[in-house]
Amino acid sequence: MKGRIERPFSWIEGNFLAGRTFRDFADLNAQVLAWCENVANAKPKRALGVAPSAAYAVERPCLQPLPAVLPPVYQVVERVVDLQGFVSLETNRYSVPERWVGKALSVYLYATEVRVCRGEQLLAVHARLLGVRDTKQKLPGHHPTPQPRPRTPPREATLLQGHDPLLDAYVAALVRQAHGRGVRPLRRLLDFKRTYPKEPLLAAVAQALQFGLFDMGRLEHMILQQVAGDFFNLDDGGDDA
């Protein structure tokens, strides 16, 4: 391998440089360009089977021009996203979206930035951490704090509301007192509404709301007192006595 690398330099020294003189670097470049075109590239090569100039003429239609600006130099490595949603590089850690935890990703290390990709999909672009070690960098939007979903009111509360403002207020207070649910007491309250007359029910609810009473057993007792005492009094002085 070393002889194959060194032989072209020996050939140039023995076939181009020997016996030549140059006025300046421009003259040197002109002479070496003419020598390459007329001698070096015109000589058939054993490895190619043809002269380099002939091989170039065949391949030229398939060649693509080089970019006007050279792309930045980078190093690419493979990293697996850890359980906290970071990839490690040079002792530092860079965040990626949490859905990629446990996945192998390609990390492109540029002079001033770090790009994390999954195939051709760009997942994150970080400013490269330079001059520091064991530092963690998280982009906005990565690893958001889970927000609790608002709890929908129980079905029983929906059935109870909308009939009377007093009952609505009591239902709302009952739900707050039960920390957002209170399904069992709401279910009993719904049974009361369906079983007892409206007036004694609302009278008992008003008293319960005034004193912050949410025990359904005591509320039912108050309803029964209202029913017995105020709404079904019998006339003891009738003619049939």
C-alpha atoms as a PDB file:
ATOM      1  CA  MET A   1       0.000   0.000   0.000  1.00  0.00           C
ATOM      2  CA  LYS A   2       2.832   2.413   0.824  1.00  0.00           C
ATOM      3  CA  GLY A   3       4.479   1.803  -2.567  1.00  0.00           C
ATOM      4  CA  ARG A   4       1.211   2.552  -4.390  1.00  0.00           C
ATOM      5  CA  ILE A   5       0.924   5.841  -2.515  1.00  0.00           C
ATOM      6  CA  GLU A   6       4.533   6.902  -2.983  1.00  0.00           C
ATOM      7  CA  ARG A   7       4.966   5.795  -6.622  1.00  0.00           C
ATOM      8  CA  PRO A   8       2.937   8.684  -8.193  1.00  0.00           C
ATOM      9  CA  PHE A   9       5.153  11.230  -6.448  1.00  0.00           C
ATOM     10  CA  SER A  10       8.272   9.449  -7.741  1.00  0.00           C
ATOM     11  CA  TRP A  11       6.809   9.411 -11.240  1.00  0.00           C
ATOM     12  CA  ILE A  12       6.076  13.161 -11.149  1.00  0.00           C
ATOM     13  CA  GLU A  13       9.560  13.917  -9.877  1.00  0.00           C
ATOM     14  CA  GLY A  14      11.188  11.776 -12.542  1.00  0.00           C
ATOM     15  CA  ASN A  15       8.933  12.631 -15.502  1.00  0.00           C
ATOM     16  CA  PHE A  16       7.777  16.171 -14.926  1.00  0.00           C
ATOM     17  CA  LEU A  17      10.205  17.996 -12.657  1.00  0.00           C
ATOM     18  CA  ALA A  18      13.424  16.562 -14.111  1.00  0.00           C
ATOM     19  CA  GLY A  19      15.185  19.151 -16.328  1.00  0.00           C
ATOM     20  CA  ARG A  20      12.429  21.801 -16.098  1.00  0.00           C
ATOM     21  CA  THR A  21      12.778  25.407 -15.048  1.00  0.00           C
ATOM     22  CA  PHE A  22      10.005  27.802 -13.985  1.00  0.00           C
ATOM     23  CA  ARG A  23       9.813  31.578 -13.993  1.00  0.00           C
ATOM     24  CA  ASP A  24       7.242  31.707 -11.179  1.00  0.00           C
ATOM     25  CA  PHE A  25       4.326  29.775  -9.680  1.00  0.00           C
ATOM     26  CA  ALA A  26       2.013  30.783 -12.517  1.00  0.00           C
ATOM     27  CA  ASP A  27       4.474  29.251 -15.033  1.00  0.00           C
ATOM     28  CA  LEU A  28       4.757  26.120 -12.845  1.00  0.00           C
ATOM     29  CA  ASN A  29       0.970  25.706 -12.761  1.00  0.00           C
ATOM     30  CA  ALA A  30       0.678  26.200 -16.533  1.00  0.00           C
ATOM     31  CA  GLN A  31       3.378  23.615 -17.285  1.00  0.00           C
ATOM     32  CA  VAL A  32       2.011  20.993 -14.854  1.00  0.00           C
ATOM     33  CA  LEU A  33      -1.520  21.460 -16.282  1.00  0.00           C
ATOM     34  CA  ALA A  34      -0.235  20.868 -19.822  1.00  0.00           C
ATOM     35  CA  TRP A  35       1.778  17.845 -18.647  1.00  0.00           C
ATOM     36  CA  CYS A  36      -1.273  16.332 -16.927  1.00  0.00           C
ATOM     37  CA  GLU A  37      -3.441  16.757 -20.023  1.00  0.00           C
ATOM     38  CA  ASN A  38      -0.900  15.566 -22.624  1.00  0.00           C
ATOM     39  CA  VAL A  39       1.143  12.999 -20.673  1.00  0.00           C
ATOM     40  CA  ALA A  40      -0.209  11.823 -17.330  1.00  0.00           C
ATOM     41  CA  ASN A  41      -3.890  11.579 -18.245  1.00  0.00           C
ATOM     42  CA  ALA A  42      -3.160  10.326 -21.776  1.00  0.00           C
ATOM     43  CA  LYS A  43      -1.190   7.295 -20.579  1.00  0.00           C
ATOM     44  CA  PRO A  44      -3.257   4.083 -20.240  1.00  0.00           C
ATOM     45  CA  LYS A  45      -3.477   2.794 -16.667  1.00  0.00           C
ATOM     46  CA  ARG A  46      -3.434  -0.921 -15.893  1.00  0.00           C
ATOM     47  CA  ALA A  47      -6.020  -0.535 -13.104  1.00  0.00           C
ATOM     48  CA  LEU A  48      -8.448   1.328 -15.416  1.00  0.00           C
ATOM     49  CA  GLY A  49      -7.731  -0.502 -18.659  1.00  0.00           C
ATOM     50  CA  VAL A  50      -7.834   2.876 -20.429  1.00  0.00           C
ATOM     51  CA  ALA A  51      -6.233   6.292 -20.110  1.00  0.00           C
ATOM     52  CA  PRO A  52      -7.668   8.558 -17.365  1.00  0.00           C
ATOM     53  CA  SER A  53      -8.767  11.068 -20.011  1.00  0.00           C
ATOM     54  CA  ALA A  54     -10.842   8.359 -21.774  1.00  0.00           C
ATOM     55  CA  ALA A  55     -12.372   7.192 -18.491  1.00  0.00           C
ATOM     56  CA  TYR A  56     -13.254  10.804 -17.629  1.00  0.00           C
ATOM     57  CA  ALA A  57     -14.982  11.271 -20.990  1.00  0.00           C
ATOM     58  CA  VAL A  58     -17.180   8.227 -20.260  1.00  0.00           C
ATOM     59  CA  GLU A  59     -18.011   9.246 -16.661  1.00  0.00           C
ATOM     60  CA  ARG A  60     -18.393  12.976 -17.223  1.00  0.00           C
ATOM     61  CA  PRO A  61     -22.157  12.908 -18.101  1.00  0.00           C
ATOM     62  CA  CYS A  62     -22.862  11.219 -14.757  1.00  0.00           C
ATOM     63  CA  LEU A  63     -20.795  13.583 -12.612  1.00  0.00           C
ATOM     64  CA  GLN A  64     -22.384  16.370 -10.592  1.00  0.00           C
ATOM     65  CA  PRO A  65     -20.785  19.754  -9.967  1.00  0.00           C
ATOM     66  CA  LEU A  66     -19.379  20.498  -6.540  1.00  0.00           C
ATOM     67  CA  PRO A  67     -21.350  22.988  -4.398  1.00  0.00           C
ATOM     68  CA  ALA A  68     -20.359  26.615  -4.625  1.00  0.00           C
ATOM     69  CA  VAL A  69     -19.808  26.637  -0.861  1.00  0.00           C
ATOM     70  CA  LEU A  70     -18.234  23.734   0.980  1.00  0.00           C
ATOM     71  CA  PRO A  71     -20.601  22.179   3.547  1.00  0.00           C
ATOM     72  CA  PRO A  72     -19.574  22.490   7.193  1.00  0.00           C
ATOM     73  CA  VAL A  73     -17.465  19.737   8.652  1.00  0.00           C
ATOM     74  CA  TYR A  74     -19.252  17.490  11.144  1.00  0.00           C
ATOM     75  CA  GLN A  75     -18.911  14.231  13.033  1.00  0.00           C
ATOM     76  CA  VAL A  76     -21.831  11.811  13.258  1.00  0.00           C
ATOM     77  CA  VAL A  77     -22.326   9.348  16.108  1.00  0.00           C
ATOM     78  CA  GLU A  78     -25.162   7.066  17.196  1.00  0.00           C
ATOM     79  CA  ARG A  79     -26.739   7.568  20.608  1.00  0.00           C
ATOM     80  CA  VAL A  80     -29.635   5.924  22.480  1.00  0.00           C
ATOM     81  CA  VAL A  81     -32.001   8.344  24.238  1.00  0.00           C
ATOM     82  CA  ASP A  82     -31.878   7.761  28.004  1.00  0.00           C
ATOM     83  CA  LEU A  83     -34.889   7.403  30.294  1.00  0.00           C
ATOM     84  CA  GLN A  84     -34.893  11.152  31.013  1.00  0.00           C
ATOM     85  CA  GLY A  85     -35.077  12.075  27.305  1.00  0.00           C
ATOM     86  CA  PHE A  86     -31.443  13.117  26.679  1.00  0.00           C
ATOM     87  CA  VAL A  87     -28.558  12.017  24.477  1.00  0.00           C
ATOM     88  CA  SER A  88     -25.008  12.151  25.833  1.00  0.00           C
ATOM     89  CA  LEU A  89     -22.123  13.705  23.932  1.00  0.00           C
ATOM     90  CA  GLU A  90     -18.713  14.740  25.276  1.00  0.00           C
ATOM     91  CA  THR A  91     -19.996  14.230  28.876  1.00  0.00           C
ATOM     92  CA  ASN A  92     -22.835  16.735  28.234  1.00  0.00           C
ATOM     93  CA  ARG A  93     -26.501  15.885  27.657  1.00  0.00           C
ATOM     94  CA  TYR A  94     -28.884  17.310  25.064  1.00  0.00           C
ATOM     95  CA  SER A  95     -32.673  16.974  25.181  1.00  0.00           C
ATOM     96  CA  VAL A  96     -34.907  15.384  22.546  1.00  0.00           C
ATOM     97  CA  PRO A  97     -38.712  14.932  22.533  1.00  0.00           C
ATOM     98  CA  GLU A  98     -39.643  12.367  25.193  1.00  0.00           C
ATOM     99  CA  ARG A  99     -41.392  10.068  22.693  1.00  0.00           C
ATOM    100  CA  TRP A 100     -37.924   8.994  21.471  1.00  0.00           C
ATOM    101  CA  VAL A 101     -36.848   7.530  24.819  1.00  0.00           C
ATOM    102  CA  GLY A 102     -35.006   4.250  24.256  1.00  0.00           C
ATOM    103  CA  LYS A 103     -34.558   4.875  20.504  1.00  0.00           C
ATOM    104  CA  ALA A 104     -31.212   5.015  18.689  1.00  0.00           C
ATOM    105  CA  LEU A 105     -30.701   8.400  17.005  1.00  0.00           C
ATOM    106  CA  SER A 106     -28.003   9.992  14.852  1.00  0.00           C
ATOM    107  CA  VAL A 107     -26.223  12.927  16.481  1.00  0.00           C
ATOM    108  CA  TYR A 108     -24.377  15.350  14.177  1.00  0.00           C
ATOM    109  CA  LEU A 109     -21.626  17.298  15.926  1.00  0.00           C
ATOM    110  CA  TYR A 110     -20.755  20.597  14.199  1.00  0.00           C
ATOM    111  CA  ALA A 111     -18.345  23.293  15.298  1.00  0.00           C
ATOM    112  CA  THR A 112     -21.002  25.350  17.113  1.00  0.00           C
ATOM    113  CA  GLU A 113     -24.148  23.213  17.184  1.00  0.00           C
ATOM    114  CA  VAL A 114     -25.505  19.717  17.724  1.00  0.00           C
ATOM    115  CA  ARG A 115     -28.228  18.231  15.503  1.00  0.00           C
ATOM    116  CA  VAL A 116     -30.197  15.154  16.539  1.00  0.00           C
ATOM    117  CA  CYS A 117     -31.900  13.218  13.734  1.00  0.00           C
ATOM    118  CA  ARG A 118     -33.920  10.081  13.140  1.00  0.00           C
ATOM    119  CA  GLY A 119     -33.030   9.124   9.597  1.00  0.00           C
ATOM    120  CA  GLU A 120     -33.795  12.263   7.559  1.00  0.00           C
ATOM    121  CA  GLN A 121     -36.090  13.712  10.265  1.00  0.00           C
ATOM    122  CA  LEU A 122     -34.538  16.542  12.263  1.00  0.00           C
ATOM    123  CA  LEU A 123     -35.609  16.227  15.912  1.00  0.00           C
ATOM    124  CA  ALA A 124     -33.587  18.878  17.753  1.00  0.00           C
ATOM    125  CA  VAL A 125     -30.933  21.532  17.177  1.00  0.00           C
ATOM    126  CA  HIS A 126     -28.807  22.605  20.151  1.00  0.00           C
ATOM    127  CA  ALA A 127     -26.046  25.137  20.604  1.00  0.00           C
ATOM    128  CA  ARG A 128     -22.959  23.036  21.258  1.00  0.00           C
ATOM    129  CA  LEU A 129     -21.781  23.136  24.850  1.00  0.00           C
ATOM    130  CA  LEU A 130     -18.125  24.143  24.761  1.00  0.00           C
ATOM    131  CA  GLY A 131     -15.718  24.399  27.664  1.00  0.00           C
ATOM    132  CA  VAL A 132     -18.083  22.706  30.124  1.00  0.00           C
ATOM    133  CA  ARG A 133     -18.619  19.155  31.334  1.00  0.00           C
ATOM    134  CA  ASP A 134     -21.522  17.220  32.815  1.00  0.00           C
ATOM    135  CA  THR A 135     -23.990  19.928  31.759  1.00  0.00           C
ATOM    136  CA  LYS A 136     -27.601  19.295  30.763  1.00  0.00           C
ATOM    137  CA  GLN A 137     -29.326  21.412  28.092  1.00  0.00           C
ATOM    138  CA  LYS A 138     -33.087  21.235  27.511  1.00  0.00           C
ATOM    139  CA  LEU A 139     -34.905  23.005  24.692  1.00  0.00           C
ATOM    140  CA  PRO A 140     -38.242  24.772  25.268  1.00  0.00           C
ATOM    141  CA  GLY A 141     -41.090  22.377  24.621  1.00  0.00           C
ATOM    142  CA  HIS A 142     -39.110  19.274  25.533  1.00  0.00           C
ATOM    143  CA  HIS A 143     -40.328  17.224  28.518  1.00  0.00           C
ATOM    144  CA  PRO A 144     -43.316  19.418  29.475  1.00  0.00           C
ATOM    145  CA  THR A 145     -44.764  19.002  32.942  1.00  0.00           C
ATOM    146  CA  PRO A 146     -47.939  16.884  32.683  1.00  0.00           C
ATOM    147  CA  GLN A 147     -51.033  18.928  33.397  1.00  0.00           C
ATOM    148  CA  PRO A 148     -53.998  17.247  35.112  1.00  0.00           C
ATOM    149  CA  ARG A 149     -57.042  16.965  32.931  1.00  0.00           C
ATOM    150  CA  PRO A 150     -60.063  18.867  34.155  1.00  0.00           C
ATOM    151  CA  ARG A 151     -62.483  16.440  35.721  1.00  0.00           C
ATOM    152  CA  THR A 152     -65.906  16.350  34.206  1.00  0.00           C
ATOM    153  CA  PRO A 153     -68.773  16.749  36.657  1.00  0.00           C
ATOM    154  CA  PRO A 154     -70.534  13.538  37.638  1.00  0.00           C
ATOM    155  CA  ARG A 155     -73.628  12.589  35.667  1.00  0.00           C
ATOM    156  CA  GLU A 156     -75.709  12.890  38.835  1.00  0.00           C
ATOM    157  CA  ALA A 157     -74.647  16.536  39.247  1.00  0.00           C
ATOM    158  CA  THR A 158     -75.730  17.267  35.686  1.00  0.00           C
ATOM    159  CA  LEU A 159     -79.142  15.707  36.337  1.00  0.00           C
ATOM    160  CA  LEU A 160     -79.604  17.733  39.515  1.00  0.00           C
ATOM    161  CA  GLN A 161     -78.605  21.129  38.143  1.00  0.00           C
ATOM    162  CA  GLY A 162     -80.745  23.532  36.174  1.00  0.00           C
ATOM    163  CA  HIS A 163     -83.980  23.044  38.129  1.00  0.00           C
ATOM    164  CA  ASP A 164     -83.607  25.525  40.968  1.00  0.00           C
ATOM    165  CA  PRO A 165     -80.829  27.993  41.949  1.00  0.00           C
ATOM    166  CA  LEU A 166     -80.929  26.790  45.549  1.00  0.00           C
ATOM    167  CA  LEU A 167     -80.426  23.180  44.522  1.00  0.00           C
ATOM    168  CA  ASP A 168     -77.690  24.226  42.073  1.00  0.00           C
ATOM    169  CA  ALA A 169     -75.803  25.996  44.862  1.00  0.00           C
ATOM    170  CA  TYR A 170     -76.093  22.974  47.153  1.00  0.00           C
ATOM    171  CA  VAL A 171     -74.871  20.590  44.434  1.00  0.00           C
ATOM    172  CA  ALA A 172     -71.871  22.836  43.702  1.00  0.00           C
ATOM    173  CA  ALA A 173     -71.004  23.024  47.402  1.00  0.00           C
ATOM    174  CA  LEU A 174     -71.392  19.257  47.753  1.00  0.00           C
ATOM    175  CA  VAL A 175     -69.029  18.634  44.812  1.00  0.00           C
ATOM    176  CA  ARG A 176     -66.438  21.027  46.285  1.00  0.00           C
ATOM    177  CA  GLN A 177     -66.710  19.400  49.674  1.00  0.00           C
ATOM    178  CA  ALA A 178     -66.124  15.983  48.050  1.00  0.00           C
ATOM    179  CA  HIS A 179     -63.032  17.295  46.159  1.00  0.00           C
ATOM    180  CA  GLY A 180     -64.571  17.275  42.709  1.00  0.00           C
ATOM    181  CA  ARG A 181     -66.722  14.127  42.637  1.00  0.00           C
ATOM    182  CA  GLY A 182     -69.050  13.074  45.459  1.00  0.00           C
ATOM    183  CA  VAL A 183     -70.883  10.545  43.303  1.00  0.00           C
ATOM    184  CA  ARG A 184     -72.459   8.606  46.179  1.00  0.00           C
ATOM    185  CA  PRO A 185     -74.026  11.596  48.015  1.00  0.00           C
ATOM    186  CA  LEU A 186     -75.109  13.087  44.684  1.00  0.00           C
ATOM    187  CA  ARG A 187     -76.809   9.827  43.817  1.00  0.00           C
ATOM    188  CA  ARG A 188     -78.741   9.885  47.106  1.00  0.00           C
ATOM    189  CA  LEU A 189     -79.630  13.530  46.579  1.00  0.00           C
ATOM    190  CA  LEU A 190     -80.979  12.640  43.152  1.00  0.00           C
ATOM    191  CA  ASP A 191     -83.074   9.918  44.751  1.00  0.00           C
ATOM    192  CA  PHE A 192     -84.433  12.504  47.224  1.00  0.00           C
ATOM    193  CA  LYS A 193     -85.368  14.809  44.356  1.00  0.00           C
ATOM    194  CA  ARG A 194     -87.236  12.017  42.600  1.00  0.00           C
ATOM    195  CA  THR A 195     -88.922  10.743  45.777  1.00  0.00           C
ATOM    196  CA  TYR A 196     -89.948  13.771  47.860  1.00  0.00           C
ATOM    197  CA  PRO A 197     -92.018  16.830  46.971  1.00  0.00           C
ATOM    198  CA  LYS A 198     -90.139  19.849  45.743  1.00  0.00           C
ATOM    199  CA  GLU A 199     -91.071  22.273  48.556  1.00  0.00           C
ATOM    200  CA  PRO A 200     -89.904  20.179  51.538  1.00  0.00           C
ATOM    201  CA  LEU A 201     -86.791  19.146  49.594  1.00  0.00           C
ATOM    202  CA  LEU A 202     -85.805  22.756  48.883  1.00  0.00           C
ATOM    203  CA  ALA A 203     -86.616  23.832  52.432  1.00  0.00           C
ATOM    204  CA  ALA A 204     -84.328  21.145  53.837  1.00  0.00           C
ATOM    205  CA  VAL A 205     -81.623  21.956  51.268  1.00  0.00           C
ATOM    206  CA  ALA A 206     -81.758  25.634  52.271  1.00  0.00           C
ATOM    207  CA  GLN A 207     -81.166  24.729  55.915  1.00  0.00           C
ATOM    208  CA  ALA A 208     -78.379  22.294  55.013  1.00  0.00           C
ATOM    209  CA  LEU A 209     -76.677  24.864  52.795  1.00  0.00           C
ATOM    210  CA  GLN A 210     -76.914  27.500  55.542  1.00  0.00           C
ATOM    211  CA  PHE A 211     -75.158  25.287  58.088  1.00  0.00           C
ATOM    212  CA  GLY A 212     -72.789  23.508  55.675  1.00  0.00           C
ATOM    213  CA  LEU A 213     -74.460  20.151  56.171  1.00  0.00           C
ATOM    214  CA  PHE A 214     -73.633  17.500  53.571  1.00  0.00           C
ATOM    215  CA  ASP A 215     -74.567  14.310  55.412  1.00  0.00           C
ATOM    216  CA  MET A 216     -77.265  12.723  53.281  1.00  0.00           C
ATOM    217  CA  GLY A 217     -78.763  10.801  56.197  1.00  0.00           C
ATOM    218  CA  ARG A 218     -79.324  13.972  58.173  1.00  0.00           C
ATOM    219  CA  LEU A 219     -80.571  15.771  55.067  1.00  0.00           C
ATOM    220  CA  GLU A 220     -83.196  13.088  54.504  1.00  0.00           C
ATOM    221  CA  HIS A 221     -84.258  13.363  58.143  1.00  0.00           C
ATOM    222  CA  MET A 222     -84.725  17.127  57.652  1.00  0.00           C
ATOM    223  CA  ILE A 223     -86.780  16.501  54.515  1.00  0.00           C
ATOM    224  CA  LEU A 224     -89.029  14.082  56.382  1.00  0.00           C
ATOM    225  CA  GLN A 225     -89.509  16.647  59.138  1.00  0.00           C
ATOM    226  CA  GLN A 226     -90.568  19.193  56.539  1.00  0.00           C
ATOM    227  CA  VAL A 227     -92.969  16.697  54.969  1.00  0.00           C
ATOM    228  CA  ALA A 228     -94.550  15.715  58.301  1.00  0.00           C
ATOM    229  CA  GLY A 229     -94.660  19.158  59.866  1.00  0.00           C
ATOM    230  CA  ASP A 230     -95.522  21.619  57.150  1.00  0.00           C
ATOM    231  CA  PHE A 231     -96.869  20.014  54.025  1.00  0.00           C
ATOM    232  CA  PHE A 232     -99.225  17.279  55.187  1.00  0.00           C
ATOM    233  CA  ASN A 233    -100.909  18.721  58.294  1.00  0.00           C
ATOM    234  CA  LEU A 234    -104.345  17.161  58.872  1.00  0.00           C
ATOM    235  CA  ASP A 235    -107.345  19.271  59.951  1.00  0.00           C
ATOM    236  CA  ASP A 236    -108.372  18.007  63.401  1.00  0.00           C
ATOM    237  CA  GLY A 237    -111.548  20.188  63.572  1.00  0.00           C
ATOM    238  CA  GLY A 238    -113.482  18.775  60.668  1.00  0.00           C
ATOM    239  CA  ASP A 239    -117.231  18.125  60.582  1.00  0.00           C
ATOM    240  CA  ASP A 240    -116.696  14.373  60.442  1.00  0.00           C
ATOM    241  CA  ALA A 241    -115.091  14.238  63.875  1.00  0.00           C
END
